[in-house]
PDB file of N, CA and C in Angstrom:
ATOM      1  N   MET A   1     128.721  53.473 261.180  1.00  0.00           N
ATOM      2  CA  MET A   1     128.357  54.021 262.467  1.00  0.00           C
ATOM      3  C   MET A   1     127.980  55.497 262.312  1.00  0.00           C
ATOM      4  N   ALA A   2     126.963  55.912 263.029  1.00  0.00           N
ATOM      5  CA  ALA A   2     126.480  57.288 262.967  1.00  0.00           C
ATOM      6  C   ALA A   2     127.390  58.210 263.776  1.00  0.00           C
ATOM      7  N   GLY A   3     127.240  59.495 263.539  1.00  0.00           N
ATOM      8  CA  GLY A   3     127.966  60.501 264.299  1.00  0.00           C
ATOM      9  C   GLY A   3     127.000  61.466 264.942  1.00  0.00           C
ATOM     10  N   LEU A   4     127.213  61.732 266.219  1.00  0.00           N
ATOM     11  CA  LEU A   4     126.422  62.739 266.919  1.00  0.00           C
ATOM     12  C   LEU A   4     127.239  64.005 267.059  1.00  0.00           C
ATOM     13  N   TRP A   5     126.678  65.106 266.636  1.00  0.00           N
ATOM     14  CA  TRP A   5     127.260  66.431 266.754  1.00  0.00           C
ATOM     15  C   TRP A   5     126.648  67.006 268.028  1.00  0.00           C
ATOM     16  N   ILE A   6     127.474  67.307 269.008  1.00  0.00           N
ATOM     17  CA  ILE A   6     126.995  67.788 270.305  1.00  0.00           C
ATOM     18  C   ILE A   6     127.592  69.171 270.559  1.00  0.00           C
ATOM     19  N   ALA A   7     126.723  70.149 270.709  1.00  0.00           N
ATOM     20  CA  ALA A   7     127.156  71.531 270.932  1.00  0.00           C
ATOM     21  C   ALA A   7     126.581  72.046 272.245  1.00  0.00           C
ATOM     22  N   HIS A   8     127.416  72.755 272.985  1.00  0.00           N
ATOM     23  CA  HIS A   8     127.009  73.437 274.212  1.00  0.00           C
ATOM     24  C   HIS A   8     127.280  74.920 273.974  1.00  0.00           C
ATOM     25  N   VAL A   9     126.248  75.763 274.114  1.00  0.00           N
ATOM     26  CA  VAL A   9     126.339  77.143 273.639  1.00  0.00           C
ATOM     27  C   VAL A   9     125.783  78.134 274.658  1.00  0.00           C
ATOM     28  N   THR A  10     126.490  79.233 274.810  1.00  0.00           N
ATOM     29  CA  THR A  10     125.977  80.419 275.477  1.00  0.00           C
ATOM     30  C   THR A  10     125.928  81.512 274.420  1.00  0.00           C
ATOM     31  N   VAL A  11     124.735  81.993 274.118  1.00  0.00           N
ATOM     32  CA  VAL A  11     124.559  83.044 273.115  1.00  0.00           C
ATOM     33  C   VAL A  11     124.794  84.397 273.785  1.00  0.00           C
ATOM     34  N   THR A  12     125.629  85.217 273.162  1.00  0.00           N
ATOM     35  CA  THR A  12     125.927  86.549 273.694  1.00  0.00           C
ATOM     36  C   THR A  12     125.375  87.665 272.804  1.00  0.00           C
ATOM     37  N   ASP A  13     124.945  87.332 271.592  1.00  0.00           N
ATOM     38  CA  ASP A  13     124.348  88.308 270.665  1.00  0.00           C
ATOM     39  C   ASP A  13     123.224  87.595 269.914  1.00  0.00           C
ATOM     40  N   ASP A  14     121.994  87.804 270.384  1.00  0.00           N
ATOM     41  CA  ASP A  14     120.843  87.080 269.817  1.00  0.00           C
ATOM     42  C   ASP A  14     120.648  87.333 268.328  1.00  0.00           C
ATOM     43  N   GLU A  15     120.816  88.554 267.898  1.00  0.00           N
ATOM     44  CA  GLU A  15     120.576  88.893 266.493  1.00  0.00           C
ATOM     45  C   GLU A  15     121.571  88.171 265.571  1.00  0.00           C
ATOM     46  N   ALA A  16     122.846  88.269 265.882  1.00  0.00           N
ATOM     47  CA  ALA A  16     123.869  87.609 265.062  1.00  0.00           C
ATOM     48  C   ALA A  16     123.718  86.099 265.122  1.00  0.00           C
ATOM     49  N   TYR A  17     123.414  85.567 266.303  1.00  0.00           N
ATOM     50  CA  TYR A  17     123.279  84.119 266.425  1.00  0.00           C
ATOM     51  C   TYR A  17     122.046  83.623 265.669  1.00  0.00           C
ATOM     52  N   GLY A  18     121.030  84.449 265.586  1.00  0.00           N
ATOM     53  CA  GLY A  18     119.854  84.098 264.792  1.00  0.00           C
ATOM     54  C   GLY A  18     120.206  83.918 263.323  1.00  0.00           C
ATOM     55  N   LYS A  19     121.108  84.755 262.821  1.00  0.00           N
ATOM     56  CA  LYS A  19     121.573  84.606 261.433  1.00  0.00           C
ATOM     57  C   LYS A  19     122.325  83.290 261.270  1.00  0.00           C
ATOM     58  N   TYR A  20     123.138  82.943 262.261  1.00  0.00           N
ATOM     59  CA  TYR A  20     123.840  81.648 262.236  1.00  0.00           C
ATOM     60  C   TYR A  20     122.821  80.507 262.153  1.00  0.00           C
ATOM     61  N   ALA A  21     121.847  80.518 263.046  1.00  0.00           N
ATOM     62  CA  ALA A  21     120.879  79.426 263.113  1.00  0.00           C
ATOM     63  C   ALA A  21     120.110  79.271 261.799  1.00  0.00           C
ATOM     64  N   LYS A  22     119.765  80.398 261.184  1.00  0.00           N
ATOM     65  CA  LYS A  22     119.016  80.364 259.920  1.00  0.00           C
ATOM     66  C   LYS A  22     119.821  79.677 258.816  1.00  0.00           C
ATOM     67  N   LEU A  23     121.131  79.889 258.794  1.00  0.00           N
ATOM     68  CA  LEU A  23     121.991  79.285 257.769  1.00  0.00           C
ATOM     69  C   LEU A  23     122.487  77.891 258.151  1.00  0.00           C
ATOM     70  N   ALA A  24     122.684  77.654 259.433  1.00  0.00           N
ATOM     71  CA  ALA A  24     123.256  76.378 259.874  1.00  0.00           C
ATOM     72  C   ALA A  24     122.305  75.206 259.638  1.00  0.00           C
ATOM     73  N   GLY A  25     121.016  75.414 259.876  1.00  0.00           N
ATOM     74  CA  GLY A  25     120.048  74.324 259.713  1.00  0.00           C
ATOM     75  C   GLY A  25     120.092  73.692 258.326  1.00  0.00           C
ATOM     76  N   PRO A  26     119.991  74.490 257.259  1.00  0.00           N
ATOM     77  CA  PRO A  26     120.068  73.917 255.915  1.00  0.00           C
ATOM     78  C   PRO A  26     121.426  73.271 255.612  1.00  0.00           C
ATOM     79  N   ALA A  27     122.511  73.837 256.132  1.00  0.00           N
ATOM     80  CA  ALA A  27     123.841  73.249 255.902  1.00  0.00           C
ATOM     81  C   ALA A  27     123.935  71.883 256.559  1.00  0.00           C
ATOM     82  N   ILE A  28     123.387  71.766 257.747  1.00  0.00           N
ATOM     83  CA  ILE A  28     123.396  70.485 258.465  1.00  0.00           C
ATOM     84  C   ILE A  28     122.522  69.470 257.722  1.00  0.00           C
ATOM     85  N   ALA A  29     121.332  69.874 257.312  1.00  0.00           N
ATOM     86  CA  ALA A  29     120.433  68.973 256.582  1.00  0.00           C
ATOM     87  C   ALA A  29     121.058  68.506 255.274  1.00  0.00           C
ATOM     88  N   ALA A  30     121.787  69.381 254.595  1.00  0.00           N
ATOM     89  CA  ALA A  30     122.413  69.027 253.316  1.00  0.00           C
ATOM     90  C   ALA A  30     123.458  67.927 253.463  1.00  0.00           C
ATOM     91  N   HIS A  31     123.946  67.724 254.679  1.00  0.00           N
ATOM     92  CA  HIS A  31     124.942  66.671 254.928  1.00  0.00           C
ATOM     93  C   HIS A  31     124.327  65.472 255.650  1.00  0.00           C
ATOM     94  N   GLY A  32     123.006  65.372 255.599  1.00  0.00           N
ATOM     95  CA  GLY A  32     122.321  64.231 256.189  1.00  0.00           C
ATOM     96  C   GLY A  32     122.089  64.359 257.671  1.00  0.00           C
ATOM     97  N   GLY A  33     122.312  65.557 258.225  1.00  0.00           N
ATOM     98  CA  GLY A  33     122.115  65.756 259.658  1.00  0.00           C
ATOM     99  C   GLY A  33     120.663  66.015 260.000  1.00  0.00           C
ATOM    100  N   GLU A  34     120.246  65.497 261.144  1.00  0.00           N
ATOM    101  CA  GLU A  34     118.908  65.758 261.660  1.00  0.00           C
ATOM    102  C   GLU A  34     119.031  66.088 263.139  1.00  0.00           C
ATOM    103  N   PHE A  35     118.273  67.083 263.569  1.00  0.00           N
ATOM    104  CA  PHE A  35     118.339  67.510 264.962  1.00  0.00           C
ATOM    105  C   PHE A  35     117.581  66.541 265.855  1.00  0.00           C
ATOM    106  N   LEU A  36     118.229  66.142 266.940  1.00  0.00           N
ATOM    107  CA  LEU A  36     117.586  65.332 267.973  1.00  0.00           C
ATOM    108  C   LEU A  36     117.194  66.206 269.157  1.00  0.00           C
ATOM    109  N   ALA A  37     117.975  67.252 269.401  1.00  0.00           N
ATOM    110  CA  ALA A  37     117.678  68.193 270.487  1.00  0.00           C
ATOM    111  C   ALA A  37     118.194  69.571 270.079  1.00  0.00           C
ATOM    112  N   ARG A  38     117.397  70.576 270.334  1.00  0.00           N
ATOM    113  CA  ARG A  38     117.779  71.979 270.088  1.00  0.00           C
ATOM    114  C   ARG A  38     117.230  72.793 271.240  1.00  0.00           C
ATOM    115  N   GLY A  39     118.100  73.125 272.159  1.00  0.00           N
ATOM    116  CA  GLY A  39     117.609  73.817 273.345  1.00  0.00           C
ATOM    117  C   GLY A  39     116.871  72.809 274.212  1.00  0.00           C
ATOM    118  N   GLY A  40     115.833  73.228 274.850  1.00  0.00           N
ATOM    119  CA  GLY A  40     115.038  72.328 275.670  1.00  0.00           C
ATOM    120  C   GLY A  40     115.608  72.158 277.078  1.00  0.00           C
ATOM    121  N   ARG A  41     114.891  71.424 277.866  1.00  0.00           N
ATOM    122  CA  ARG A  41     115.279  71.202 279.258  1.00  0.00           C
ATOM    123  C   ARG A  41     116.527  70.343 279.342  1.00  0.00           C
ATOM    124  N   PHE A  42     117.322  70.597 280.366  1.00  0.00           N
ATOM    125  CA  PHE A  42     118.505  69.789 280.626  1.00  0.00           C
ATOM    126  C   PHE A  42     118.853  69.877 282.098  1.00  0.00           C
ATOM    127  N   VAL A  43     119.655  68.945 282.542  1.00  0.00           N
ATOM    128  CA  VAL A  43     120.173  68.942 283.903  1.00  0.00           C
ATOM    129  C   VAL A  43     121.688  68.894 283.801  1.00  0.00           C
ATOM    130  N   GLN A  44     122.359  69.909 284.288  1.00  0.00           N
ATOM    131  CA  GLN A  44     123.826  69.970 284.266  1.00  0.00           C
ATOM    132  C   GLN A  44     124.346  69.209 285.479  1.00  0.00           C
ATOM    133  N   LEU A  45     125.058  68.129 285.239  1.00  0.00           N
ATOM    134  CA  LEU A  45     125.581  67.322 286.330  1.00  0.00           C
ATOM    135  C   LEU A  45     127.042  67.605 286.620  1.00  0.00           C
ATOM    136  N   GLU A  46     127.810  67.970 285.592  1.00  0.00           N
ATOM    137  CA  GLU A  46     129.224  68.275 285.763  1.00  0.00           C
ATOM    138  C   GLU A  46     129.625  69.323 284.729  1.00  0.00           C
ATOM    139  N   GLY A  47     130.732  70.005 284.985  1.00  0.00           N
ATOM    140  CA  GLY A  47     131.301  70.929 284.021  1.00  0.00           C
ATOM    141  C   GLY A  47     130.563  72.245 283.925  1.00  0.00           C
ATOM    142  N   LYS A  48     130.978  73.037 282.945  1.00  0.00           N
ATOM    143  CA  LYS A  48     130.429  74.379 282.736  1.00  0.00           C
ATOM    144  C   LYS A  48     129.046  74.292 282.110  1.00  0.00           C
ATOM    145  N   GLU A  49     128.106  74.956 282.724  1.00  0.00           N
ATOM    146  CA  GLU A  49     126.742  74.961 282.197  1.00  0.00           C
ATOM    147  C   GLU A  49     126.621  75.946 281.040  1.00  0.00           C
ATOM    148  N   ARG A  50     125.998  75.511 279.973  1.00  0.00           N
ATOM    149  CA  ARG A  50     125.647  76.349 278.835  1.00  0.00           C
ATOM    150  C   ARG A  50     124.136  76.246 278.669  1.00  0.00           C
ATOM    151  N   PRO A  51     123.445  77.364 278.488  1.00  0.00           N
ATOM    152  CA  PRO A  51     121.980  77.323 278.443  1.00  0.00           C
ATOM    153  C   PRO A  51     121.389  76.710 277.177  1.00  0.00           C
ATOM    154  N   ARG A  52     122.183  76.552 276.123  1.00  0.00           N
ATOM    155  CA  ARG A  52     121.665  75.964 274.879  1.00  0.00           C
ATOM    156  C   ARG A  52     122.505  74.740 274.533  1.00  0.00           C
ATOM    157  N   ASN A  53     121.827  73.623 274.359  1.00  0.00           N
ATOM    158  CA  ASN A  53     122.490  72.365 274.020  1.00  0.00           C
ATOM    159  C   ASN A  53     121.827  71.788 272.781  1.00  0.00           C
ATOM    160  N   VAL A  54     122.648  71.394 271.822  1.00  0.00           N
ATOM    161  CA  VAL A  54     122.135  70.917 270.537  1.00  0.00           C
ATOM    162  C   VAL A  54     122.780  69.571 270.222  1.00  0.00           C
ATOM    163  N   VAL A  55     121.951  68.630 269.782  1.00  0.00           N
ATOM    164  CA  VAL A  55     122.441  67.323 269.334  1.00  0.00           C
ATOM    165  C   VAL A  55     121.863  67.068 267.950  1.00  0.00           C
ATOM    166  N   ALA A  56     122.744  66.765 266.996  1.00  0.00           N
ATOM    167  CA  ALA A  56     122.318  66.408 265.643  1.00  0.00           C
ATOM    168  C   ALA A  56     122.952  65.071 265.285  1.00  0.00           C
ATOM    169  N   ARG A  57     122.194  64.240 264.614  1.00  0.00           N
ATOM    170  CA  ARG A  57     122.673  62.926 264.183  1.00  0.00           C
ATOM    171  C   ARG A  57     123.014  62.993 262.699  1.00  0.00           C
ATOM    172  N   PHE A  58     124.183  62.471 262.351  1.00  0.00           N
ATOM    173  CA  PHE A  58     124.638  62.394 260.961  1.00  0.00           C
ATOM    174  C   PHE A  58     124.832  60.924 260.596  1.00  0.00           C
ATOM    175  N   PRO A  59     124.835  60.605 259.302  1.00  0.00           N
ATOM    176  CA  PRO A  59     125.037  59.218 258.876  1.00  0.00           C
ATOM    177  C   PRO A  59     126.371  58.630 259.359  1.00  0.00           C
ATOM    178  N   SER A  60     127.366  59.477 259.561  1.00  0.00           N
ATOM    179  CA  SER A  60     128.676  58.998 260.029  1.00  0.00           C
ATOM    180  C   SER A  60     129.425  60.144 260.691  1.00  0.00           C
ATOM    181  N   LEU A  61     130.448  59.803 261.433  1.00  0.00           N
ATOM    182  CA  LEU A  61     131.330  60.813 262.016  1.00  0.00           C
ATOM    183  C   LEU A  61     131.944  61.651 260.905  1.00  0.00           C
ATOM    184  N   GLU A  62     132.333  61.002 259.830  1.00  0.00           N
ATOM    185  CA  GLU A  62     132.967  61.708 258.708  1.00  0.00           C
ATOM    186  C   GLU A  62     132.023  62.721 258.075  1.00  0.00           C
ATOM    187  N   LYS A  63     130.733  62.367 257.936  1.00  0.00           N
ATOM    188  CA  LYS A  63     129.759  63.311 257.358  1.00  0.00           C
ATOM    189  C   LYS A  63     129.558  64.518 258.279  1.00  0.00           C
ATOM    190  N   ALA A  64     129.612  64.292 259.586  1.00  0.00           N
ATOM    191  CA  ALA A  64     129.477  65.396 260.536  1.00  0.00           C
ATOM    192  C   ALA A  64     130.654  66.358 260.418  1.00  0.00           C
ATOM    193  N   VAL A  65     131.859  65.816 260.310  1.00  0.00           N
ATOM    194  CA  VAL A  65     133.048  66.656 260.162  1.00  0.00           C
ATOM    195  C   VAL A  65     133.034  67.349 258.804  1.00  0.00           C
ATOM    196  N   GLU A  66     132.598  66.631 257.768  1.00  0.00           N
ATOM    197  CA  GLU A  66     132.483  67.218 256.429  1.00  0.00           C
ATOM    198  C   GLU A  66     131.520  68.406 256.454  1.00  0.00           C
ATOM    199  N   CYS A  67     130.423  68.271 257.177  1.00  0.00           N
ATOM    200  CA  CYS A  67     129.467  69.365 257.304  1.00  0.00           C
ATOM    201  C   CYS A  67     130.133  70.570 257.954  1.00  0.00           C
ATOM    202  N   TYR A  68     130.829  70.343 259.052  1.00  0.00           N
ATOM    203  CA  TYR A  68     131.487  71.444 259.757  1.00  0.00           C
ATOM    204  C   TYR A  68     132.448  72.193 258.839  1.00  0.00           C
ATOM    205  N   ASN A  69     133.180  71.468 258.016  1.00  0.00           N
ATOM    206  CA  ASN A  69     134.177  72.072 257.133  1.00  0.00           C
ATOM    207  C   ASN A  69     133.606  72.614 255.828  1.00  0.00           C
ATOM    208  N   SER A  70     132.319  72.400 255.588  1.00  0.00           N
ATOM    209  CA  SER A  70     131.712  72.836 254.328  1.00  0.00           C
ATOM    210  C   SER A  70     131.638  74.361 254.251  1.00  0.00           C
ATOM    211  N   ASP A  71     131.632  74.863 253.024  1.00  0.00           N
ATOM    212  CA  ASP A  71     131.508  76.305 252.804  1.00  0.00           C
ATOM    213  C   ASP A  71     130.220  76.850 253.415  1.00  0.00           C
ATOM    214  N   ALA A  72     129.123  76.107 253.264  1.00  0.00           N
ATOM    215  CA  ALA A  72     127.829  76.580 253.759  1.00  0.00           C
ATOM    216  C   ALA A  72     127.837  76.707 255.282  1.00  0.00           C
ATOM    217  N   TYR A  73     128.396  75.713 255.964  1.00  0.00           N
ATOM    218  CA  TYR A  73     128.418  75.794 257.427  1.00  0.00           C
ATOM    219  C   TYR A  73     129.404  76.856 257.905  1.00  0.00           C
ATOM    220  N   GLN A  74     130.529  76.976 257.246  1.00  0.00           N
ATOM    221  CA  GLN A  74     131.507  77.997 257.637  1.00  0.00           C
ATOM    222  C   GLN A  74     130.931  79.399 257.457  1.00  0.00           C
ATOM    223  N   GLU A  75     130.116  79.592 256.425  1.00  0.00           N
ATOM    224  CA  GLU A  75     129.434  80.873 256.241  1.00  0.00           C
ATOM    225  C   GLU A  75     128.512  81.150 257.430  1.00  0.00           C
ATOM    226  N   ALA A  76     127.761  80.125 257.838  1.00  0.00           N
ATOM    227  CA  ALA A  76     126.888  80.274 259.002  1.00  0.00           C
ATOM    228  C   ALA A  76     127.706  80.560 260.256  1.00  0.00           C
ATOM    229  N   LEU A  77     128.782  79.828 260.423  1.00  0.00           N
ATOM    230  CA  LEU A  77     129.613  79.945 261.615  1.00  0.00           C
ATOM    231  C   LEU A  77     130.204  81.345 261.775  1.00  0.00           C
ATOM    232  N   ASN A  78     130.417  82.039 260.672  1.00  0.00           N
ATOM    233  CA  ASN A  78     130.911  83.414 260.750  1.00  0.00           C
ATOM    234  C   ASN A  78     129.995  84.300 261.595  1.00  0.00           C
ATOM    235  N   HIS A  79     128.698  83.997 261.619  1.00  0.00           N
ATOM    236  CA  HIS A  79     127.747  84.773 262.416  1.00  0.00           C
ATOM    237  C   HIS A  79     127.784  84.374 263.891  1.00  0.00           C
ATOM    238  N   ALA A  80     128.184  83.145 264.185  1.00  0.00           N
ATOM    239  CA  ALA A  80     128.235  82.676 265.571  1.00  0.00           C
ATOM    240  C   ALA A  80     129.500  83.136 266.284  1.00  0.00           C
ATOM    241  N   ARG A  81     130.576  83.308 265.512  1.00  0.00           N
ATOM    242  CA  ARG A  81     131.828  83.774 266.120  1.00  0.00           C
ATOM    243  C   ARG A  81     131.614  85.182 266.655  1.00  0.00           C
ATOM    244  N   GLY A  82     131.977  85.397 267.886  1.00  0.00           N
ATOM    245  CA  GLY A  82     131.761  86.705 268.500  1.00  0.00           C
ATOM    246  C   GLY A  82     130.347  86.903 269.016  1.00  0.00           C
ATOM    247  N   ALA A  83     129.451  85.975 268.698  1.00  0.00           N
ATOM    248  CA  ALA A  83     128.061  86.064 269.151  1.00  0.00           C
ATOM    249  C   ALA A  83     127.713  84.942 270.121  1.00  0.00           C
ATOM    250  N   SER A  84     128.722  84.110 270.441  1.00  0.00           N
ATOM    251  CA  SER A  84     128.464  82.978 271.325  1.00  0.00           C
ATOM    252  C   SER A  84     129.776  82.429 271.879  1.00  0.00           C
ATOM    253  N   GLU A  85     129.630  81.697 272.964  1.00  0.00           N
ATOM    254  CA  GLU A  85     130.713  80.868 273.493  1.00  0.00           C
ATOM    255  C   GLU A  85     130.233  79.442 273.291  1.00  0.00           C
ATOM    256  N   ARG A  86     131.068  78.599 272.659  1.00  0.00           N
ATOM    257  CA  ARG A  86     130.601  77.270 272.258  1.00  0.00           C
ATOM    258  C   ARG A  86     131.664  76.207 272.438  1.00  0.00           C
ATOM    259  N   GLU A  87     131.197  75.030 272.661  1.00  0.00           N
ATOM    260  CA  GLU A  87     132.004  73.824 272.529  1.00  0.00           C
ATOM    261  C   GLU A  87     131.237  72.918 271.567  1.00  0.00           C
ATOM    262  N   LEU A  88     131.958  72.274 270.673  1.00  0.00           N
ATOM    263  CA  LEU A  88     131.331  71.387 269.693  1.00  0.00           C
ATOM    264  C   LEU A  88     132.211  70.162 269.531  1.00  0.00           C
ATOM    265  N   LEU A  89     131.599  68.997 269.583  1.00  0.00           N
ATOM    266  CA  LEU A  89     132.345  67.767 269.352  1.00  0.00           C
ATOM    267  C   LEU A  89     131.462  66.793 268.589  1.00  0.00           C
ATOM    268  N   VAL A  90     132.109  65.803 267.989  1.00  0.00           N
ATOM    269  CA  VAL A  90     131.392  64.749 267.281  1.00  0.00           C
ATOM    270  C   VAL A  90     131.759  63.416 267.940  1.00  0.00           C
ATOM    271  N   VAL A  91     130.755  62.617 268.233  1.00  0.00           N
ATOM    272  CA  VAL A  91     130.943  61.310 268.861  1.00  0.00           C
ATOM    273  C   VAL A  91     130.380  60.248 267.928  1.00  0.00           C
ATOM    274  N   GLU A  92     131.150  59.213 267.690  1.00  0.00           N
ATOM    275  CA  GLU A  92     130.685  58.089 266.865  1.00  0.00           C
ATOM    276  C   GLU A  92     129.857  57.150 267.720  1.00  0.00           C
ATOM    277  N   ILE A  93     128.714  56.726 267.174  1.00  0.00           N
ATOM    278  CA  ILE A  93     127.839  55.791 267.893  1.00  0.00           C
ATOM    279  C   ILE A  93     127.403  54.674 266.950  1.00  0.00           C
ATOM    280  N   PRO A  94     127.078  53.522 267.496  1.00  0.00           N
ATOM    281  CA  PRO A  94     126.569  52.439 266.638  1.00  0.00           C
ATOM    282  C   PRO A  94     125.203  52.818 266.068  1.00  0.00           C
ATOM    283  N   ASP A  95     124.914  52.332 264.865  1.00  0.00           N
ATOM    284  CA  ASP A  95     123.606  52.578 264.252  1.00  0.00           C
ATOM    285  C   ASP A  95     122.528  51.815 264.987  1.00  0.00           C
TER     286      ASP A  95
END
């Protein structure tokens, strides 16, 4: 079963978050992740609205979590900390 990485983000420091994005993309790809949505239009129906929403598909929930815990992604994440407010979760879906 595949894993969807779903992030809801409010960027508070564009420059620092840009460094995160530059490093995060290759780290995600290295773990088999592919972006399905990055930003773009959305309709907030419930909960706290975040202006940036990202969905990436991984081969499995485990690969998505492995990516998050990888050295490469953690290096990228260092730039997002303090530069954004985020929620991130992984959901397992059938292939």
